[in-house]
Amino acid sequence: MKRTLFLLSIISVFVLGAVANNHKAIPETQGIQADTRLNIFPNPVTGNSFQITSFKEIKSVTTTNLLGQKVPVKVQKQNSKKVKVTLSRKTTGIHLVSVLYNDNTKEVKRIIVK
């Protein structure tokens, strides 16, 4: 009985290892080219502003809460690939930041505002 349990545990380790090695993670932004590399920092946001950097040129930035309501922001372009976003009023919770690029592609990332 002990030998059977031992063999079953070894088999399960190999099976789980094989499944884990063949697992492919789904990227957070499906359908977006991998060269965008959108970075938002700090995240979580503790003040009233955050920075966005990207390898693509940024056209516009919008933010919404999880109810789909727009959160007013002021966007200051530091250059075509880096912007500073200031929240007009600090609303805590999870927000969605939508970045529209000059080539009309769009990327959405989550931030937490504390």
PDB file of N, CA and C in Angstrom:
ATOM      1  N   MET A   1       0.819  -1.189   0.000  1.00  0.00           N
ATOM      2  CA  MET A   1       0.000   0.000   0.000  1.00  0.00           C
ATOM      3  C   MET A   1       0.867   1.259   0.000  1.00  0.00           C
ATOM      4  N   LYS A   2       1.900   1.286   0.881  1.00  0.00           N
ATOM      5  CA  LYS A   2       2.798   2.433   0.940  1.00  0.00           C
ATOM      6  C   LYS A   2       3.540   2.605  -0.379  1.00  0.00           C
ATOM      7  N   ARG A   3       3.935   1.487  -0.977  1.00  0.00           N
ATOM      8  CA  ARG A   3       4.661   1.549  -2.239  1.00  0.00           C
ATOM      9  C   ARG A   3       3.765   2.113  -3.344  1.00  0.00           C
ATOM     10  N   THR A   4       2.495   1.757  -3.362  1.00  0.00           N
ATOM     11  CA  THR A   4       1.546   2.256  -4.355  1.00  0.00           C
ATOM     12  C   THR A   4       1.370   3.767  -4.197  1.00  0.00           C
ATOM     13  N   LEU A   5       1.220   4.225  -2.959  1.00  0.00           N
ATOM     14  CA  LEU A   5       1.079   5.660  -2.719  1.00  0.00           C
ATOM     15  C   LEU A   5       2.339   6.410  -3.127  1.00  0.00           C
ATOM     16  N   PHE A   6       3.498   5.814  -2.847  1.00  0.00           N
ATOM     17  CA  PHE A   6       4.759   6.427  -3.226  1.00  0.00           C
ATOM     18  C   PHE A   6       4.860   6.555  -4.747  1.00  0.00           C
ATOM     19  N   LEU A   7       4.514   5.486  -5.465  1.00  0.00           N
ATOM     20  CA  LEU A   7       4.559   5.517  -6.928  1.00  0.00           C
ATOM     21  C   LEU A   7       3.565   6.528  -7.492  1.00  0.00           C
ATOM     22  N   LEU A   8       2.385   6.599  -6.910  1.00  0.00           N
ATOM     23  CA  LEU A   8       1.394   7.568  -7.372  1.00  0.00           C
ATOM     24  C   LEU A   8       1.870   9.003  -7.149  1.00  0.00           C
ATOM     25  N   SER A   9       2.530   9.248  -6.035  1.00  0.00           N
ATOM     26  CA  SER A   9       3.021  10.600  -5.777  1.00  0.00           C
ATOM     27  C   SER A   9       4.135  10.970  -6.751  1.00  0.00           C
ATOM     28  N   ILE A  10       5.003  10.020  -7.098  1.00  0.00           N
ATOM     29  CA  ILE A  10       6.064  10.287  -8.069  1.00  0.00           C
ATOM     30  C   ILE A  10       5.459  10.553  -9.454  1.00  0.00           C
ATOM     31  N   ILE A  11       4.490   9.750  -9.837  1.00  0.00           N
ATOM     32  CA  ILE A  11       3.839   9.945 -11.133  1.00  0.00           C
ATOM     33  C   ILE A  11       3.154  11.307 -11.182  1.00  0.00           C
ATOM     34  N   SER A  12       2.472  11.684 -10.105  1.00  0.00           N
ATOM     35  CA  SER A  12       1.775  12.978 -10.109  1.00  0.00           C
ATOM     36  C   SER A  12       2.758  14.140 -10.213  1.00  0.00           C
ATOM     37  N   VAL A  13       3.931  14.022  -9.598  1.00  0.00           N
ATOM     38  CA  VAL A  13       4.953  15.068  -9.702  1.00  0.00           C
ATOM     39  C   VAL A  13       5.407  15.208 -11.149  1.00  0.00           C
ATOM     40  N   PHE A  14       5.641  14.087 -11.842  1.00  0.00           N
ATOM     41  CA  PHE A  14       6.066  14.153 -13.235  1.00  0.00           C
ATOM     42  C   PHE A  14       4.963  14.706 -14.131  1.00  0.00           C
ATOM     43  N   VAL A  15       3.733  14.303 -13.894  1.00  0.00           N
ATOM     44  CA  VAL A  15       2.614  14.781 -14.712  1.00  0.00           C
ATOM     45  C   VAL A  15       2.408  16.274 -14.493  1.00  0.00           C
ATOM     46  N   LEU A  16       2.402  16.706 -13.224  1.00  0.00           N
ATOM     47  CA  LEU A  16       2.225  18.127 -12.937  1.00  0.00           C
ATOM     48  C   LEU A  16       3.386  18.941 -13.484  1.00  0.00           C
ATOM     49  N   GLY A  17       4.583  18.413 -13.413  1.00  0.00           N
ATOM     50  CA  GLY A  17       5.744  19.106 -13.973  1.00  0.00           C
ATOM     51  C   GLY A  17       5.633  19.255 -15.478  1.00  0.00           C
ATOM     52  N   ALA A  18       5.154  18.212 -16.149  1.00  0.00           N
ATOM     53  CA  ALA A  18       4.986  18.278 -17.601  1.00  0.00           C
ATOM     54  C   ALA A  18       3.915  19.284 -17.985  1.00  0.00           C
ATOM     55  N   VAL A  19       2.826  19.308 -17.223  1.00  0.00           N
ATOM     56  CA  VAL A  19       1.765  20.283 -17.496  1.00  0.00           C
ATOM     57  C   VAL A  19       2.285  21.696 -17.266  1.00  0.00           C
ATOM     58  N   ALA A  20       3.028  21.898 -16.180  1.00  0.00           N
ATOM     59  CA  ALA A  20       3.554  23.228 -15.879  1.00  0.00           C
ATOM     60  C   ALA A  20       4.527  23.690 -16.947  1.00  0.00           C
ATOM     61  N   ASN A  21       5.352  22.789 -17.468  1.00  0.00           N
ATOM     62  CA  ASN A  21       6.320  23.176 -18.488  1.00  0.00           C
ATOM     63  C   ASN A  21       5.672  23.480 -19.828  1.00  0.00           C
ATOM     64  N   ASN A  22       4.537  22.876 -20.125  1.00  0.00           N
ATOM     65  CA  ASN A  22       3.863  23.128 -21.390  1.00  0.00           C
ATOM     66  C   ASN A  22       2.851  24.251 -21.301  1.00  0.00           C
ATOM     67  N   HIS A  23       2.633  24.791 -20.120  1.00  0.00           N
ATOM     68  CA  HIS A  23       1.665  25.869 -19.936  1.00  0.00           C
ATOM     69  C   HIS A  23       2.214  27.159 -20.528  1.00  0.00           C
ATOM     70  N   LYS A  24       1.416  27.823 -21.334  1.00  0.00           N
ATOM     71  CA  LYS A  24       1.824  29.097 -21.902  1.00  0.00           C
ATOM     72  C   LYS A  24       0.926  30.176 -21.329  1.00  0.00           C
ATOM     73  N   ALA A  25       1.543  31.180 -20.723  1.00  0.00           N
ATOM     74  CA  ALA A  25       0.770  32.261 -20.113  1.00  0.00           C
ATOM     75  C   ALA A  25       0.127  33.123 -21.188  1.00  0.00           C
ATOM     76  N   ILE A  26      -1.083  33.552 -20.940  1.00  0.00           N
ATOM     77  CA  ILE A  26      -1.771  34.450 -21.855  1.00  0.00           C
ATOM     78  C   ILE A  26      -1.361  35.864 -21.481  1.00  0.00           C
ATOM     79  N   PRO A  27      -0.827  36.618 -22.421  1.00  0.00           N
ATOM     80  CA  PRO A  27      -0.398  37.973 -22.082  1.00  0.00           C
ATOM     81  C   PRO A  27      -1.580  38.846 -21.684  1.00  0.00           C
ATOM     82  N   GLU A  28      -1.285  39.837 -20.836  1.00  0.00           N
ATOM     83  CA  GLU A  28      -2.339  40.722 -20.343  1.00  0.00           C
ATOM     84  C   GLU A  28      -2.983  41.513 -21.485  1.00  0.00           C
ATOM     85  N   THR A  29      -2.234  41.798 -22.507  1.00  0.00           N
ATOM     86  CA  THR A  29      -2.749  42.590 -23.615  1.00  0.00           C
ATOM     87  C   THR A  29      -2.716  41.764 -24.881  1.00  0.00           C
ATOM     88  N   GLN A  30      -3.751  41.000 -25.119  1.00  0.00           N
ATOM     89  CA  GLN A  30      -3.816  40.178 -26.316  1.00  0.00           C
ATOM     90  C   GLN A  30      -4.046  41.059 -27.530  1.00  0.00           C
ATOM     91  N   GLY A  31      -3.456  40.701 -28.633  1.00  0.00           N
ATOM     92  CA  GLY A  31      -3.675  41.420 -29.872  1.00  0.00           C
ATOM     93  C   GLY A  31      -2.806  42.657 -30.016  1.00  0.00           C
ATOM     94  N   ILE A  32      -1.992  42.955 -29.022  1.00  0.00           N
ATOM     95  CA  ILE A  32      -1.113  44.112 -29.088  1.00  0.00           C
ATOM     96  C   ILE A  32       0.296  43.603 -29.403  1.00  0.00           C
ATOM     97  N   GLN A  33       0.993  44.349 -30.230  1.00  0.00           N
ATOM     98  CA  GLN A  33       2.345  43.939 -30.584  1.00  0.00           C
ATOM     99  C   GLN A  33       3.226  43.935 -29.340  1.00  0.00           C
ATOM    100  N   ALA A  34       4.138  43.002 -29.281  1.00  0.00           N
ATOM    101  CA  ALA A  34       4.973  42.834 -28.099  1.00  0.00           C
ATOM    102  C   ALA A  34       5.959  43.981 -27.907  1.00  0.00           C
ATOM    103  N   ASP A  35       6.195  44.814 -28.922  1.00  0.00           N
ATOM    104  CA  ASP A  35       7.194  45.867 -28.803  1.00  0.00           C
ATOM    105  C   ASP A  35       6.671  47.124 -28.117  1.00  0.00           C
ATOM    106  N   THR A  36       5.421  47.135 -27.641  1.00  0.00           N
ATOM    107  CA  THR A  36       4.908  48.334 -26.985  1.00  0.00           C
ATOM    108  C   THR A  36       5.558  48.540 -25.625  1.00  0.00           C
ATOM    109  N   ARG A  37       5.667  47.487 -24.842  1.00  0.00           N
ATOM    110  CA  ARG A  37       6.303  47.538 -23.516  1.00  0.00           C
ATOM    111  C   ARG A  37       5.836  48.745 -22.712  1.00  0.00           C
ATOM    112  N   LEU A  38       4.558  48.822 -22.492  1.00  0.00           N
ATOM    113  CA  LEU A  38       3.955  49.907 -21.723  1.00  0.00           C
ATOM    114  C   LEU A  38       4.260  49.728 -20.245  1.00  0.00           C
ATOM    115  N   ASN A  39       4.806  50.758 -19.630  1.00  0.00           N
ATOM    116  CA  ASN A  39       5.125  50.731 -18.201  1.00  0.00           C
ATOM    117  C   ASN A  39       4.391  51.858 -17.500  1.00  0.00           C
ATOM    118  N   ILE A  40       3.753  51.534 -16.390  1.00  0.00           N
ATOM    119  CA  ILE A  40       3.076  52.526 -15.565  1.00  0.00           C
ATOM    120  C   ILE A  40       3.671  52.437 -14.172  1.00  0.00           C
ATOM    121  N   PHE A  41       4.128  53.559 -13.652  1.00  0.00           N
ATOM    122  CA  PHE A  41       4.732  53.549 -12.321  1.00  0.00           C
ATOM    123  C   PHE A  41       4.495  54.886 -11.629  1.00  0.00           C
ATOM    124  N   PRO A  42       4.384  54.958 -10.329  1.00  0.00           N
ATOM    125  CA  PRO A  42       4.331  53.810  -9.434  1.00  0.00           C
ATOM    126  C   PRO A  42       2.967  53.124  -9.514  1.00  0.00           C
ATOM    127  N   ASN A  43       2.948  51.865  -9.266  1.00  0.00           N
ATOM    128  CA  ASN A  43       1.704  51.109  -9.203  1.00  0.00           C
ATOM    129  C   ASN A  43       1.840  50.124  -8.054  1.00  0.00           C
ATOM    130  N   PRO A  44       1.164  50.326  -6.958  1.00  0.00           N
ATOM    131  CA  PRO A  44       0.011  51.189  -6.750  1.00  0.00           C
ATOM    132  C   PRO A  44       0.394  52.667  -6.643  1.00  0.00           C
ATOM    133  N   VAL A  45      -0.542  53.521  -7.071  1.00  0.00           N
ATOM    134  CA  VAL A  45      -0.369  54.965  -7.029  1.00  0.00           C
ATOM    135  C   VAL A  45      -0.742  55.431  -5.630  1.00  0.00           C
ATOM    136  N   THR A  46       0.182  56.099  -4.942  1.00  0.00           N
ATOM    137  CA  THR A  46      -0.105  56.570  -3.588  1.00  0.00           C
ATOM    138  C   THR A  46      -0.336  58.078  -3.553  1.00  0.00           C
ATOM    139  N   GLY A  47       0.181  58.800  -4.518  1.00  0.00           N
ATOM    140  CA  GLY A  47      -0.056  60.239  -4.602  1.00  0.00           C
ATOM    141  C   GLY A  47      -1.210  60.496  -5.547  1.00  0.00           C
ATOM    142  N   ASN A  48      -1.121  61.596  -6.294  1.00  0.00           N
ATOM    143  CA  ASN A  48      -2.173  61.873  -7.262  1.00  0.00           C
ATOM    144  C   ASN A  48      -1.668  61.833  -8.704  1.00  0.00           C
ATOM    145  N   SER A  49      -0.449  61.296  -8.909  1.00  0.00           N
ATOM    146  CA  SER A  49       0.069  61.226 -10.279  1.00  0.00           C
ATOM    147  C   SER A  49       0.886  59.960 -10.491  1.00  0.00           C
ATOM    148  N   PHE A  50       1.037  59.603 -11.773  1.00  0.00           N
ATOM    149  CA  PHE A  50       1.859  58.462 -12.166  1.00  0.00           C
ATOM    150  C   PHE A  50       2.444  58.737 -13.542  1.00  0.00           C
ATOM    151  N   GLN A  51       3.457  57.965 -13.907  1.00  0.00           N
ATOM    152  CA  GLN A  51       4.140  58.131 -15.191  1.00  0.00           C
ATOM    153  C   GLN A  51       3.851  56.947 -16.093  1.00  0.00           C
ATOM    154  N   ILE A  52       3.808  57.211 -17.381  1.00  0.00           N
ATOM    155  CA  ILE A  52       3.648  56.157 -18.380  1.00  0.00           C
ATOM    156  C   ILE A  52       4.808  56.284 -19.358  1.00  0.00           C
ATOM    157  N   THR A  53       5.482  55.165 -19.601  1.00  0.00           N
ATOM    158  CA  THR A  53       6.521  55.132 -20.627  1.00  0.00           C
ATOM    159  C   THR A  53       6.223  53.993 -21.582  1.00  0.00           C
ATOM    160  N   SER A  54       6.628  54.179 -22.841  1.00  0.00           N
ATOM    161  CA  SER A  54       6.370  53.173 -23.857  1.00  0.00           C
ATOM    162  C   SER A  54       7.433  53.284 -24.937  1.00  0.00           C
ATOM    163  N   PHE A  55       7.592  52.206 -25.717  1.00  0.00           N
ATOM    164  CA  PHE A  55       8.499  52.243 -26.855  1.00  0.00           C
ATOM    165  C   PHE A  55       7.802  52.798 -28.094  1.00  0.00           C
ATOM    166  N   LYS A  56       6.464  52.956 -28.013  1.00  0.00           N
ATOM    167  CA  LYS A  56       5.696  53.539 -29.105  1.00  0.00           C
ATOM    168  C   LYS A  56       5.290  54.957 -28.729  1.00  0.00           C
ATOM    169  N   GLU A  57       5.014  55.765 -29.737  1.00  0.00           N
ATOM    170  CA  GLU A  57       4.617  57.145 -29.477  1.00  0.00           C
ATOM    171  C   GLU A  57       3.178  57.198 -28.988  1.00  0.00           C
ATOM    172  N   ILE A  58       2.969  57.884 -27.863  1.00  0.00           N
ATOM    173  CA  ILE A  58       1.669  57.960 -27.206  1.00  0.00           C
ATOM    174  C   ILE A  58       0.872  59.126 -27.781  1.00  0.00           C
ATOM    175  N   LYS A  59      -0.358  58.837 -28.192  1.00  0.00           N
ATOM    176  CA  LYS A  59      -1.259  59.862 -28.732  1.00  0.00           C
ATOM    177  C   LYS A  59      -2.146  60.440 -27.635  1.00  0.00           C
ATOM    178  N   SER A  60      -2.791  59.561 -26.831  1.00  0.00           N
ATOM    179  CA  SER A  60      -3.667  60.042 -25.761  1.00  0.00           C
ATOM    180  C   SER A  60      -3.777  59.005 -24.655  1.00  0.00           C
ATOM    181  N   VAL A  61      -4.229  59.462 -23.483  1.00  0.00           N
ATOM    182  CA  VAL A  61      -4.399  58.603 -22.309  1.00  0.00           C
ATOM    183  C   VAL A  61      -5.750  58.918 -21.682  1.00  0.00           C
ATOM    184  N   THR A  62      -6.515  57.880 -21.362  1.00  0.00           N
ATOM    185  CA  THR A  62      -7.765  58.045 -20.626  1.00  0.00           C
ATOM    186  C   THR A  62      -7.790  57.041 -19.478  1.00  0.00           C
ATOM    187  N   THR A  63      -8.512  57.384 -18.427  1.00  0.00           N
ATOM    188  CA  THR A  63      -8.660  56.462 -17.295  1.00  0.00           C
ATOM    189  C   THR A  63     -10.136  56.317 -16.959  1.00  0.00           C
ATOM    190  N   THR A  64     -10.496  55.094 -16.550  1.00  0.00           N
ATOM    191  CA  THR A  64     -11.863  54.815 -16.109  1.00  0.00           C
ATOM    192  C   THR A  64     -11.797  53.983 -14.834  1.00  0.00           C
ATOM    193  N   ASN A  65     -12.877  54.048 -14.054  1.00  0.00           N
ATOM    194  CA  ASN A  65     -12.964  53.154 -12.903  1.00  0.00           C
ATOM    195  C   ASN A  65     -13.603  51.851 -13.374  1.00  0.00           C
ATOM    196  N   LEU A  66     -13.791  50.907 -12.483  1.00  0.00           N
ATOM    197  CA  LEU A  66     -14.327  49.609 -12.883  1.00  0.00           C
ATOM    198  C   LEU A  66     -15.806  49.656 -13.248  1.00  0.00           C
ATOM    199  N   LEU A  67     -16.470  50.779 -12.954  1.00  0.00           N
ATOM    200  CA  LEU A  67     -17.858  50.951 -13.371  1.00  0.00           C
ATOM    201  C   LEU A  67     -17.952  51.519 -14.784  1.00  0.00           C
ATOM    202  N   GLY A  68     -16.792  51.834 -15.381  1.00  0.00           N
ATOM    203  CA  GLY A  68     -16.773  52.397 -16.730  1.00  0.00           C
ATOM    204  C   GLY A  68     -16.869  53.906 -16.758  1.00  0.00           C
ATOM    205  N   GLN A  69     -16.876  54.541 -15.588  1.00  0.00           N
ATOM    206  CA  GLN A  69     -16.957  55.997 -15.515  1.00  0.00           C
ATOM    207  C   GLN A  69     -15.581  56.599 -15.732  1.00  0.00           C
ATOM    208  N   LYS A  70     -15.523  57.649 -16.573  1.00  0.00           N
ATOM    209  CA  LYS A  70     -14.242  58.307 -16.820  1.00  0.00           C
ATOM    210  C   LYS A  70     -13.761  59.015 -15.566  1.00  0.00           C
ATOM    211  N   VAL A  71     -12.473  58.876 -15.309  1.00  0.00           N
ATOM    212  CA  VAL A  71     -11.832  59.564 -14.198  1.00  0.00           C
ATOM    213  C   VAL A  71     -11.040  60.716 -14.814  1.00  0.00           C
ATOM    214  N   PRO A  72     -11.376  61.977 -14.453  1.00  0.00           N
ATOM    215  CA  PRO A  72     -10.692  63.119 -15.062  1.00  0.00           C
ATOM    216  C   PRO A  72      -9.203  63.127 -14.726  1.00  0.00           C
ATOM    217  N   VAL A  73      -8.380  63.338 -15.750  1.00  0.00           N
ATOM    218  CA  VAL A  73      -6.928  63.389 -15.570  1.00  0.00           C
ATOM    219  C   VAL A  73      -6.349  64.539 -16.400  1.00  0.00           C
ATOM    220  N   LYS A  74      -5.190  64.987 -15.980  1.00  0.00           N
ATOM    221  CA  LYS A  74      -4.420  65.961 -16.745  1.00  0.00           C
ATOM    222  C   LYS A  74      -3.180  65.232 -17.248  1.00  0.00           C
ATOM    223  N   VAL A  75      -2.950  65.264 -18.552  1.00  0.00           N
ATOM    224  CA  VAL A  75      -1.827  64.541 -19.156  1.00  0.00           C
ATOM    225  C   VAL A  75      -0.785  65.549 -19.619  1.00  0.00           C
ATOM    226  N   GLN A  76       0.442  65.389 -19.109  1.00  0.00           N
ATOM    227  CA  GLN A  76       1.549  66.242 -19.527  1.00  0.00           C
ATOM    228  C   GLN A  76       2.550  65.386 -20.292  1.00  0.00           C
ATOM    229  N   LYS A  77       2.738  65.698 -21.580  1.00  0.00           N
ATOM    230  CA  LYS A  77       3.728  64.948 -22.359  1.00  0.00           C
ATOM    231  C   LYS A  77       5.114  65.472 -22.027  1.00  0.00           C
ATOM    232  N   GLN A  78       5.977  64.552 -21.620  1.00  0.00           N
ATOM    233  CA  GLN A  78       7.364  64.918 -21.376  1.00  0.00           C
ATOM    234  C   GLN A  78       8.175  64.713 -22.649  1.00  0.00           C
ATOM    235  N   ASN A  79       7.790  63.719 -23.418  1.00  0.00           N
ATOM    236  CA  ASN A  79       8.238  63.528 -24.796  1.00  0.00           C
ATOM    237  C   ASN A  79       7.221  62.600 -25.447  1.00  0.00           C
ATOM    238  N   SER A  80       7.436  62.182 -26.681  1.00  0.00           N
ATOM    239  CA  SER A  80       6.409  61.416 -27.385  1.00  0.00           C
ATOM    240  C   SER A  80       6.175  60.024 -26.800  1.00  0.00           C
ATOM    241  N   LYS A  81       7.107  59.539 -25.972  1.00  0.00           N
ATOM    242  CA  LYS A  81       6.985  58.192 -25.415  1.00  0.00           C
ATOM    243  C   LYS A  81       6.912  58.162 -23.892  1.00  0.00           C
ATOM    244  N   LYS A  82       6.775  59.338 -23.283  1.00  0.00           N
ATOM    245  CA  LYS A  82       6.713  59.415 -21.822  1.00  0.00           C
ATOM    246  C   LYS A  82       5.743  60.525 -21.429  1.00  0.00           C
ATOM    247  N   VAL A  83       4.773  60.183 -20.568  1.00  0.00           N
ATOM    248  CA  VAL A  83       3.806  61.176 -20.106  1.00  0.00           C
ATOM    249  C   VAL A  83       3.642  61.087 -18.596  1.00  0.00           C
ATOM    250  N   LYS A  84       3.258  62.217 -18.002  1.00  0.00           N
ATOM    251  CA  LYS A  84       2.910  62.257 -16.589  1.00  0.00           C
ATOM    252  C   LYS A  84       1.409  62.469 -16.528  1.00  0.00           C
ATOM    253  N   VAL A  85       0.715  61.620 -15.774  1.00  0.00           N
ATOM    254  CA  VAL A  85      -0.734  61.689 -15.636  1.00  0.00           C
ATOM    255  C   VAL A  85      -1.056  62.089 -14.208  1.00  0.00           C
ATOM    256  N   THR A  86      -1.846  63.160 -14.066  1.00  0.00           N
ATOM    257  CA  THR A  86      -2.257  63.634 -12.745  1.00  0.00           C
ATOM    258  C   THR A  86      -3.757  63.457 -12.617  1.00  0.00           C
ATOM    259  N   LEU A  87      -4.180  62.792 -11.555  1.00  0.00           N
ATOM    260  CA  LEU A  87      -5.607  62.607 -11.299  1.00  0.00           C
ATOM    261  C   LEU A  87      -6.188  63.924 -10.805  1.00  0.00           C
ATOM    262  N   SER A  88      -7.301  64.366 -11.416  1.00  0.00           N
ATOM    263  CA  SER A  88      -7.941  65.622 -11.006  1.00  0.00           C
ATOM    264  C   SER A  88      -8.470  65.516  -9.582  1.00  0.00           C
ATOM    265  N   ARG A  89      -9.039  64.372  -9.255  1.00  0.00           N
ATOM    266  CA  ARG A  89      -9.446  64.093  -7.876  1.00  0.00           C
ATOM    267  C   ARG A  89      -9.041  62.653  -7.585  1.00  0.00           C
ATOM    268  N   LYS A  90      -8.522  62.451  -6.410  1.00  0.00           N
ATOM    269  CA  LYS A  90      -8.020  61.126  -6.062  1.00  0.00           C
ATOM    270  C   LYS A  90      -9.173  60.217  -5.651  1.00  0.00           C
ATOM    271  N   THR A  91      -9.478  59.241  -6.489  1.00  0.00           N
ATOM    272  CA  THR A  91     -10.508  58.253  -6.187  1.00  0.00           C
ATOM    273  C   THR A  91      -9.812  56.915  -6.014  1.00  0.00           C
ATOM    274  N   THR A  92      -9.873  56.368  -4.820  1.00  0.00           N
ATOM    275  CA  THR A  92      -9.167  55.126  -4.541  1.00  0.00           C
ATOM    276  C   THR A  92      -9.850  53.950  -5.225  1.00  0.00           C
ATOM    277  N   GLY A  93      -9.078  52.922  -5.495  1.00  0.00           N
ATOM    278  CA  GLY A  93      -9.609  51.710  -6.105  1.00  0.00           C
ATOM    279  C   GLY A  93      -8.818  51.311  -7.339  1.00  0.00           C
ATOM    280  N   ILE A  94      -9.386  50.397  -8.099  1.00  0.00           N
ATOM    281  CA  ILE A  94      -8.747  49.903  -9.318  1.00  0.00           C
ATOM    282  C   ILE A  94      -9.239  50.740 -10.495  1.00  0.00           C
ATOM    283  N   HIS A  95      -8.309  51.197 -11.307  1.00  0.00           N
ATOM    284  CA  HIS A  95      -8.629  51.996 -12.483  1.00  0.00           C
ATOM    285  C   HIS A  95      -8.039  51.323 -13.715  1.00  0.00           C
ATOM    286  N   LEU A  96      -8.624  51.583 -14.864  1.00  0.00           N
ATOM    287  CA  LEU A  96      -8.106  51.102 -16.137  1.00  0.00           C
ATOM    288  C   LEU A  96      -7.528  52.296 -16.891  1.00  0.00           C
ATOM    289  N   VAL A  97      -6.281  52.159 -17.294  1.00  0.00           N
ATOM    290  CA  VAL A  97      -5.604  53.216 -18.041  1.00  0.00           C
ATOM    291  C   VAL A  97      -5.525  52.766 -19.494  1.00  0.00           C
ATOM    292  N   SER A  98      -6.139  53.540 -20.388  1.00  0.00           N
ATOM    293  CA  SER A  98      -6.133  53.228 -21.820  1.00  0.00           C
ATOM    294  C   SER A  98      -5.163  54.167 -22.518  1.00  0.00           C
ATOM    295  N   VAL A  99      -4.221  53.586 -23.233  1.00  0.00           N
ATOM    296  CA  VAL A  99      -3.239  54.366 -23.967  1.00  0.00           C
ATOM    297  C   VAL A  99      -3.467  54.146 -25.453  1.00  0.00           C
ATOM    298  N   LEU A 100      -3.699  55.237 -26.173  1.00  0.00           N
ATOM    299  CA  LEU A 100      -3.855  55.195 -27.625  1.00  0.00           C
ATOM    300  C   LEU A 100      -2.543  55.671 -28.231  1.00  0.00           C
ATOM    301  N   TYR A 101      -2.002  54.873 -29.136  1.00  0.00           N
ATOM    302  CA  TYR A 101      -0.727  55.198 -29.772  1.00  0.00           C
ATOM    303  C   TYR A 101      -0.957  55.930 -31.093  1.00  0.00           C
ATOM    304  N   ASN A 102       0.096  56.532 -31.607  1.00  0.00           N
ATOM    305  CA  ASN A 102       0.014  57.264 -32.873  1.00  0.00           C
ATOM    306  C   ASN A 102      -0.369  56.372 -34.048  1.00  0.00           C
ATOM    307  N   ASP A 103      -0.089  55.062 -33.951  1.00  0.00           N
ATOM    308  CA  ASP A 103      -0.471  54.151 -35.033  1.00  0.00           C
ATOM    309  C   ASP A 103      -1.898  53.618 -34.843  1.00  0.00           C
ATOM    310  N   ASN A 104      -2.665  54.268 -33.936  1.00  0.00           N
ATOM    311  CA  ASN A 104      -4.066  53.942 -33.626  1.00  0.00           C
ATOM    312  C   ASN A 104      -4.280  52.566 -32.997  1.00  0.00           C
ATOM    313  N   THR A 105      -3.243  51.976 -32.423  1.00  0.00           N
ATOM    314  CA  THR A 105      -3.430  50.786 -31.604  1.00  0.00           C
ATOM    315  C   THR A 105      -3.653  51.253 -30.170  1.00  0.00           C
ATOM    316  N   LYS A 106      -4.250  50.389 -29.368  1.00  0.00           N
ATOM    317  CA  LYS A 106      -4.619  50.762 -28.012  1.00  0.00           C
ATOM    318  C   LYS A 106      -4.168  49.681 -27.044  1.00  0.00           C
ATOM    319  N   GLU A 107      -3.751  50.095 -25.868  1.00  0.00           N
ATOM    320  CA  GLU A 107      -3.350  49.156 -24.829  1.00  0.00           C
ATOM    321  C   GLU A 107      -3.981  49.598 -23.513  1.00  0.00           C
ATOM    322  N   VAL A 108      -4.464  48.643 -22.733  1.00  0.00           N
ATOM    323  CA  VAL A 108      -5.134  48.941 -21.471  1.00  0.00           C
ATOM    324  C   VAL A 108      -4.407  48.202 -20.352  1.00  0.00           C
ATOM    325  N   LYS A 109      -4.112  48.937 -19.277  1.00  0.00           N
ATOM    326  CA  LYS A 109      -3.474  48.335 -18.098  1.00  0.00           C
ATOM    327  C   LYS A 109      -4.244  48.749 -16.850  1.00  0.00           C
ATOM    328  N   ARG A 110      -4.133  47.927 -15.821  1.00  0.00           N
ATOM    329  CA  ARG A 110      -4.777  48.211 -14.535  1.00  0.00           C
ATOM    330  C   ARG A 110      -3.791  48.929 -13.617  1.00  0.00           C
ATOM    331  N   ILE A 111      -4.342  49.869 -12.842  1.00  0.00           N
ATOM    332  CA  ILE A 111      -3.557  50.477 -11.766  1.00  0.00           C
ATOM    333  C   ILE A 111      -4.407  50.444 -10.500  1.00  0.00           C
ATOM    334  N   ILE A 112      -3.740  50.533  -9.379  1.00  0.00           N
ATOM    335  CA  ILE A 112      -4.423  50.625  -8.088  1.00  0.00           C
ATOM    336  C   ILE A 112      -4.101  51.996  -7.521  1.00  0.00           C
ATOM    337  N   VAL A 113      -5.124  52.731  -7.134  1.00  0.00           N
ATOM    338  CA  VAL A 113      -4.937  54.039  -6.509  1.00  0.00           C
ATOM    339  C   VAL A 113      -5.278  53.877  -5.030  1.00  0.00           C
ATOM    340  N   LYS A 114      -4.298  54.185  -4.182  1.00  0.00           N
ATOM    341  CA  LYS A 114      -4.492  54.072  -2.724  1.00  0.00           C
ATOM    342  C   LYS A 114      -4.737  55.424  -2.114  1.00  0.00           C
TER     343      LYS A 114
END
